Amino acid sequence: MPTILGQNQYGKAENRLVKITRDGATHHIKDLNVSVALSGDMEEVHYSGSNANVLPTDTTKNTVFAFAKEHGVESAEQFGIHLARHFVTSQDAIHRARVRVEEYAWERIAVSDAGRAGHSFVRRGRETRLTQITYDGERWEVVSGLKDLTVLNSTDSEFRGYRKDRYTTLEEAHDRVLATSVSGRWRFNWTGDDQPMPDWDDSYEQVGRHLLEAFAETYSLSLQQTLHRMGARVIDHRGEIDEIRFSLPNSHHFLVDLEPFGLENDNEVYVAADRPYGLIEGTVLREGCEARIPVDLTNL
């Protein structure tokens, strides 16, 4: 039976790069996990095994480390843009490059001896920063985000008035713990060099601030409502972003029945259930814009 080759790509995944910039006694760390995927005129390598158009994946790995030296790592987004532009413009057979970057944050350790504080670090484990750069020789798409941002409200959350059927056993909650681990991706409206480039680091910091403030300030009647408030706040305050998508697991906290021990549980003692969990997902868009972030965030 005849077959045709569908979408294909190749590259080097999870290149672990640590770039240390020494500014006298003060050092700076960028800790990245970089994955490169390339596509283009690659039919022949699949059909006949000819590698004539194939840039070795080992070369893509070497390029990641060489570019860290040649260009530095200003931000995850800027570094990905340098790499994507290079692969598409330097190789005739490569028509599209996708660069994914995870960034792990470090902060300096405060010590009494100021001479040592500049080069001692502790891993800051609040969340992991993400970006994906895609370039086809004409247009750019930059989708950034974060994962594992764990947040909790100990009150100001309810869940009641929901539909019930013969299988419903959940009691309505007028005051509950609301907790989730935020996974979010947002798409920038920067698509080419003819536009001013956003300040990537400042944008990331400001988006994170708006997400946390919206979570904290929302009296939540549902996690869906909180999701929308978080997304709408980012869109309203950050003009460089047109779309944001969330995946929010509802980290359930159930009151423990202490009556068998003769104790009253006045919203004090909970069991944190890690599974099964509700999973709330959704996209918030600027009016007039098209949704482009994939529904399944696990592949982004």
Protein backbone atom coordinates (compact mmCIF):
# COMPACT_ATOMS: atom_id res chain seq x y z
CA MET A 1 0.00 0.00 0.00
CA PRO A 2 1.51 3.41 -0.95
CA THR A 3 2.32 5.81 1.85
CA ILE A 4 3.30 9.45 2.15
CA LEU A 5 5.44 11.11 4.79
CA GLY A 6 3.63 13.41 7.17
CA GLN A 7 4.88 16.05 9.57
CA ASN A 8 8.38 15.33 10.85
CA GLN A 9 11.10 17.06 12.81
CA TYR A 10 14.33 16.21 14.54
CA GLY A 11 16.84 17.82 16.88
CA LYS A 12 18.59 17.58 20.22
CA ALA A 13 16.41 17.59 23.31
CA GLU A 14 17.19 18.70 26.87
CA ASN A 15 20.59 20.30 26.53
CA ARG A 16 21.39 21.29 30.12
CA LEU A 17 23.19 24.62 30.00
CA VAL A 18 24.52 26.66 32.90
CA LYS A 19 25.98 30.06 31.97
CA ILE A 20 27.94 31.92 34.65
CA THR A 21 28.70 35.59 34.01
CA ARG A 22 31.45 36.97 36.23
CA ASP A 23 31.16 40.66 36.99
CA GLY A 24 34.10 41.02 39.32
CA ALA A 25 33.18 39.44 42.63
CA THR A 26 29.50 39.38 41.66
CA HIS A 27 28.42 36.44 39.54
CA HIS A 28 25.17 35.79 37.65
CA ILE A 29 23.70 32.39 36.76
CA LYS A 30 21.40 31.33 33.92
CA ASP A 31 20.35 27.68 34.27
CA LEU A 32 18.53 26.40 31.18
CA ASN A 33 17.20 23.21 29.65
CA VAL A 34 17.15 23.78 25.87
CA SER A 35 15.45 21.56 23.26
CA VAL A 36 15.77 22.17 19.52
CA ALA A 37 13.51 20.71 16.81
CA LEU A 38 14.15 21.33 13.10
CA SER A 39 12.04 20.61 10.01
CA GLY A 40 12.22 21.24 6.28
CA ASP A 41 13.40 19.26 3.25
CA MET A 42 13.81 16.00 5.12
CA GLU A 43 11.84 13.61 2.92
CA GLU A 44 14.87 11.87 1.44
CA VAL A 45 16.42 10.90 4.76
CA HIS A 46 13.17 9.12 5.61
CA TYR A 47 12.71 7.48 2.20
CA SER A 48 16.28 6.47 1.32
CA GLY A 49 18.33 7.24 4.40
CA SER A 50 20.35 9.97 2.65
CA ASN A 51 21.69 12.42 5.22
CA ALA A 52 22.58 15.10 2.66
CA ASN A 53 20.14 17.63 4.17
CA VAL A 54 20.57 16.59 7.79
CA LEU A 55 22.40 18.85 10.21
CA PRO A 56 23.52 16.40 12.93
CA THR A 57 21.74 16.65 16.25
CA ASP A 58 25.20 16.74 17.83
CA THR A 59 25.77 19.98 15.92
CA THR A 60 22.59 21.49 17.33
CA LYS A 61 23.82 20.59 20.82
CA ASN A 62 27.19 22.23 20.16
CA THR A 63 25.44 25.33 18.81
CA VAL A 64 23.48 25.75 22.04
CA PHE A 65 26.65 25.86 24.12
CA ALA A 66 28.62 27.96 21.63
CA PHE A 67 25.83 30.54 21.45
CA ALA A 68 25.84 30.83 25.23
CA LYS A 69 29.45 32.00 24.91
CA GLU A 70 29.04 34.09 21.74
CA HIS A 71 25.73 35.80 22.53
CA GLY A 72 25.29 35.31 26.26
CA VAL A 73 21.91 34.50 27.81
CA GLU A 74 20.03 37.75 28.22
CA SER A 75 16.72 35.94 28.68
CA ALA A 76 15.25 32.57 27.80
CA GLU A 77 13.25 34.16 24.98
CA GLN A 78 16.17 36.11 23.50
CA PHE A 79 18.44 33.07 23.60
CA GLY A 80 15.80 30.98 21.83
CA ILE A 81 15.37 33.67 19.18
CA HIS A 82 19.13 33.70 18.46
CA LEU A 83 19.13 29.91 18.05
CA ALA A 84 16.00 29.69 15.89
CA ARG A 85 17.19 32.45 13.56
CA HIS A 86 20.57 30.76 13.16
CA PHE A 87 19.23 27.33 12.22
CA VAL A 88 16.74 28.65 9.65
CA THR A 89 19.04 31.21 8.02
CA SER A 90 22.23 29.12 7.95
CA GLN A 91 20.81 25.89 6.47
CA ASP A 92 18.94 25.89 3.15
CA ALA A 93 17.18 22.62 3.95
CA ILE A 94 15.83 23.82 7.30
CA HIS A 95 12.62 25.83 6.96
CA ARG A 96 11.37 25.89 10.53
CA ALA A 97 12.98 25.82 13.93
CA ARG A 98 11.30 25.35 17.29
CA VAL A 99 13.31 26.05 20.43
CA ARG A 100 11.93 25.22 23.86
CA VAL A 101 13.61 26.53 26.99
CA GLU A 102 13.01 25.79 30.65
CA GLU A 103 14.72 28.16 33.07
CA TYR A 104 15.50 27.33 36.69
CA ALA A 105 15.95 30.32 39.00
CA TRP A 106 18.77 30.83 41.50
CA GLU A 107 19.24 33.57 44.09
CA ARG A 108 22.28 34.65 46.04
CA ILE A 109 22.79 33.39 49.57
CA ALA A 110 22.92 36.22 52.07
CA VAL A 111 25.96 35.84 54.33
CA SER A 112 27.67 38.06 56.88
CA ASP A 113 30.85 38.18 54.78
CA ALA A 114 29.81 40.40 51.87
CA GLY A 115 32.80 39.20 49.87
CA ARG A 116 31.25 35.75 49.55
CA ALA A 117 27.66 36.72 48.82
CA GLY A 118 28.35 37.43 45.17
CA HIS A 119 29.06 33.85 44.14
CA SER A 120 27.03 31.65 46.48
CA PHE A 121 23.56 30.65 45.35
CA VAL A 122 20.52 28.66 46.44
CA ARG A 123 18.03 27.23 43.98
CA ARG A 124 14.77 29.20 44.05
CA GLY A 125 12.11 26.55 43.67
CA ARG A 126 8.85 28.50 43.34
CA GLU A 127 8.20 27.68 39.68
CA THR A 128 9.89 26.83 36.40
CA ARG A 129 9.96 29.43 33.65
CA LEU A 130 9.18 28.25 30.11
CA THR A 131 9.36 29.58 26.58
CA GLN A 132 8.90 28.19 23.07
CA ILE A 133 10.28 30.04 20.05
CA THR A 134 9.10 29.08 16.56
CA TYR A 135 10.54 30.63 13.37
CA ASP A 136 9.85 29.78 9.72
CA GLY A 137 12.08 32.36 8.08
CA GLU A 138 9.36 35.02 7.99
CA ARG A 139 7.26 34.97 11.14
CA TRP A 140 8.02 34.40 14.78
CA GLU A 141 5.80 32.93 17.45
CA VAL A 142 6.84 33.33 21.07
CA VAL A 143 4.87 31.44 23.71
CA SER A 144 6.17 31.75 27.25
CA GLY A 145 4.87 30.52 30.54
CA LEU A 146 5.48 28.73 33.79
CA LYS A 147 4.69 25.49 35.58
CA ASP A 148 4.59 24.24 39.17
CA LEU A 149 3.51 27.58 40.66
CA THR A 150 1.74 26.26 43.76
CA VAL A 151 -0.75 28.61 45.40
CA LEU A 152 -3.37 28.29 48.15
CA ASN A 153 -6.18 30.39 49.61
CA SER A 154 -7.16 29.24 53.10
CA THR A 155 -10.57 30.98 52.84
CA ASP A 156 -12.63 33.20 50.49
CA SER A 157 -13.62 30.21 48.37
CA GLU A 158 -16.95 28.39 48.02
CA PHE A 159 -18.37 25.61 45.90
CA ARG A 160 -22.15 25.31 45.96
CA GLY A 161 -25.25 25.51 43.78
CA TYR A 162 -23.93 22.86 41.42
CA ARG A 163 -26.00 20.28 39.54
CA LYS A 164 -26.68 17.07 41.42
CA ASP A 165 -27.74 13.62 40.32
CA ARG A 166 -28.10 10.18 41.92
CA TYR A 167 -24.30 9.78 42.08
CA THR A 168 -23.56 13.10 43.78
CA THR A 169 -22.25 12.75 47.33
CA LEU A 170 -20.17 15.93 47.62
CA GLU A 171 -21.51 18.35 50.19
CA GLU A 172 -21.69 22.05 49.34
CA ALA A 173 -18.87 24.14 50.74
CA HIS A 174 -19.43 27.71 51.96
CA ASP A 175 -15.84 28.15 53.13
CA ARG A 176 -13.15 25.94 51.66
CA VAL A 177 -9.43 25.77 50.95
CA LEU A 178 -8.64 26.51 47.30
CA ALA A 179 -5.26 25.27 46.11
CA THR A 180 -3.71 24.60 42.72
CA SER A 181 -0.42 24.25 40.91
CA VAL A 182 -0.54 26.73 38.06
CA SER A 183 0.63 25.70 34.60
CA GLY A 184 0.22 28.60 32.20
CA ARG A 185 1.32 29.63 28.70
CA TRP A 186 0.91 33.04 27.11
CA ARG A 187 1.41 34.11 23.49
CA PHE A 188 3.06 37.38 22.58
CA ASN A 189 1.83 39.50 19.69
CA TRP A 190 5.42 40.14 18.60
CA THR A 191 5.76 38.31 15.26
CA GLY A 192 8.70 39.94 13.49
CA ASP A 193 11.73 42.18 13.53
CA ASP A 194 9.69 45.10 12.22
CA GLN A 195 8.05 45.39 15.67
CA PRO A 196 9.63 46.56 18.92
CA MET A 197 10.70 43.50 20.91
CA PRO A 198 9.20 43.14 24.40
CA ASP A 199 11.35 43.28 27.50
CA TRP A 200 11.12 39.54 28.07
CA ASP A 201 12.32 39.45 31.68
CA ASP A 202 10.16 42.35 32.83
CA SER A 203 7.15 40.87 31.04
CA TYR A 204 7.64 37.53 32.83
CA GLU A 205 7.93 39.21 36.23
CA GLN A 206 4.85 41.34 35.65
CA VAL A 207 2.73 38.45 34.38
CA GLY A 208 3.69 36.45 37.46
CA ARG A 209 2.73 39.36 39.70
CA HIS A 210 -0.67 39.74 38.05
CA LEU A 211 -1.37 36.01 38.30
CA LEU A 212 -0.65 35.96 42.03
CA GLU A 213 -2.57 39.15 42.75
CA ALA A 214 -5.61 37.94 40.82
CA PHE A 215 -5.55 34.62 42.66
CA ALA A 216 -5.27 36.33 46.05
CA GLU A 217 -7.86 39.04 45.39
CA THR A 218 -10.61 36.87 43.88
CA TYR A 219 -13.39 35.69 46.16
CA SER A 220 -13.76 32.41 44.34
CA LEU A 221 -17.08 30.69 43.71
CA SER A 222 -15.32 28.20 41.42
CA LEU A 223 -11.80 27.50 40.21
CA GLN A 224 -13.09 28.30 36.71
CA GLN A 225 -13.92 31.82 37.88
CA THR A 226 -10.44 32.20 39.35
CA LEU A 227 -8.88 30.99 36.10
CA HIS A 228 -10.77 33.63 34.12
CA ARG A 229 -9.88 36.41 36.57
CA MET A 230 -6.19 35.48 36.37
CA GLY A 231 -6.20 35.41 32.59
CA ALA A 232 -8.25 38.58 32.20
CA ARG A 233 -5.94 40.48 34.53
CA VAL A 234 -2.90 39.55 32.42
CA ILE A 235 -4.63 40.50 29.15
CA ASP A 236 -5.89 43.78 30.63
CA HIS A 237 -2.49 44.84 31.97
CA ARG A 238 0.00 43.43 29.47
CA GLY A 239 -0.48 44.80 25.96
CA GLU A 240 2.23 42.54 24.51
CA ILE A 241 0.16 39.40 25.24
CA ASP A 242 -2.91 38.34 23.24
CA GLU A 243 -3.66 34.89 24.66
CA ILE A 244 -3.09 32.96 27.86
CA ARG A 245 -4.00 29.36 28.64
CA PHE A 246 -4.07 27.59 32.00
CA SER A 247 -4.14 24.06 33.28
CA LEU A 248 -5.16 24.14 36.95
CA PRO A 249 -5.45 20.95 38.99
CA ASN A 250 -7.82 21.44 41.90
CA SER A 251 -5.70 20.28 44.83
CA HIS A 252 -8.52 19.14 47.08
CA HIS A 253 -8.34 19.70 50.84
CA PHE A 254 -11.03 17.81 52.72
CA LEU A 255 -12.02 18.43 56.34
CA VAL A 256 -11.08 15.50 58.56
CA ASP A 257 -13.90 14.02 60.65
CA LEU A 258 -12.67 14.42 64.22
CA GLU A 259 -15.99 13.58 65.90
CA PRO A 260 -14.93 9.97 66.67
CA PHE A 261 -12.27 11.52 68.95
CA GLY A 262 -14.71 13.90 70.61
CA LEU A 263 -13.16 16.88 68.81
CA GLU A 264 -14.75 19.64 66.74
CA ASN A 265 -13.08 20.49 63.45
CA ASP A 266 -13.78 24.19 62.91
CA ASN A 267 -12.17 24.46 59.46
CA GLU A 268 -8.78 23.71 60.98
CA VAL A 269 -7.60 20.21 60.07
CA TYR A 270 -7.63 18.95 56.47
CA VAL A 271 -6.36 16.01 54.52
CA ALA A 272 -4.59 17.05 51.31
CA ALA A 273 -5.62 14.61 48.59
CA ASP A 274 -3.18 14.41 45.67
CA ARG A 275 -5.46 12.21 43.49
CA PRO A 276 -7.93 11.98 41.98
CA TYR A 277 -8.19 15.71 41.37
CA GLY A 278 -10.35 18.05 39.38
CA LEU A 279 -8.55 19.52 36.38
CA ILE A 280 -9.70 22.92 35.19
CA GLU A 281 -8.35 24.21 31.86
CA GLY A 282 -9.16 27.23 29.76
CA THR A 283 -7.94 30.02 27.50
CA VAL A 284 -8.47 33.77 27.88
CA LEU A 285 -8.06 35.89 24.73
CA ARG A 286 -7.84 39.53 23.82
CA GLU A 287 -11.03 40.40 21.93
CA GLY A 288 -10.60 39.84 18.20
CA CYS A 289 -7.62 37.49 18.58
CA GLU A 290 -7.40 33.85 17.55
CA ALA A 291 -6.53 31.01 19.93
CA ARG A 292 -3.26 29.37 18.89
CA ILE A 293 -1.87 27.82 22.08
CA PRO A 294 -2.42 24.05 21.93
CA VAL A 295 -5.17 22.67 24.14
CA ASP A 296 -2.82 19.99 25.46
CA LEU A 297 -0.10 21.86 27.35
CA THR A 298 1.88 18.70 28.08
CA ASN A 299 3.56 18.97 24.67
CA LEU A 300 4.50 22.63 25.04
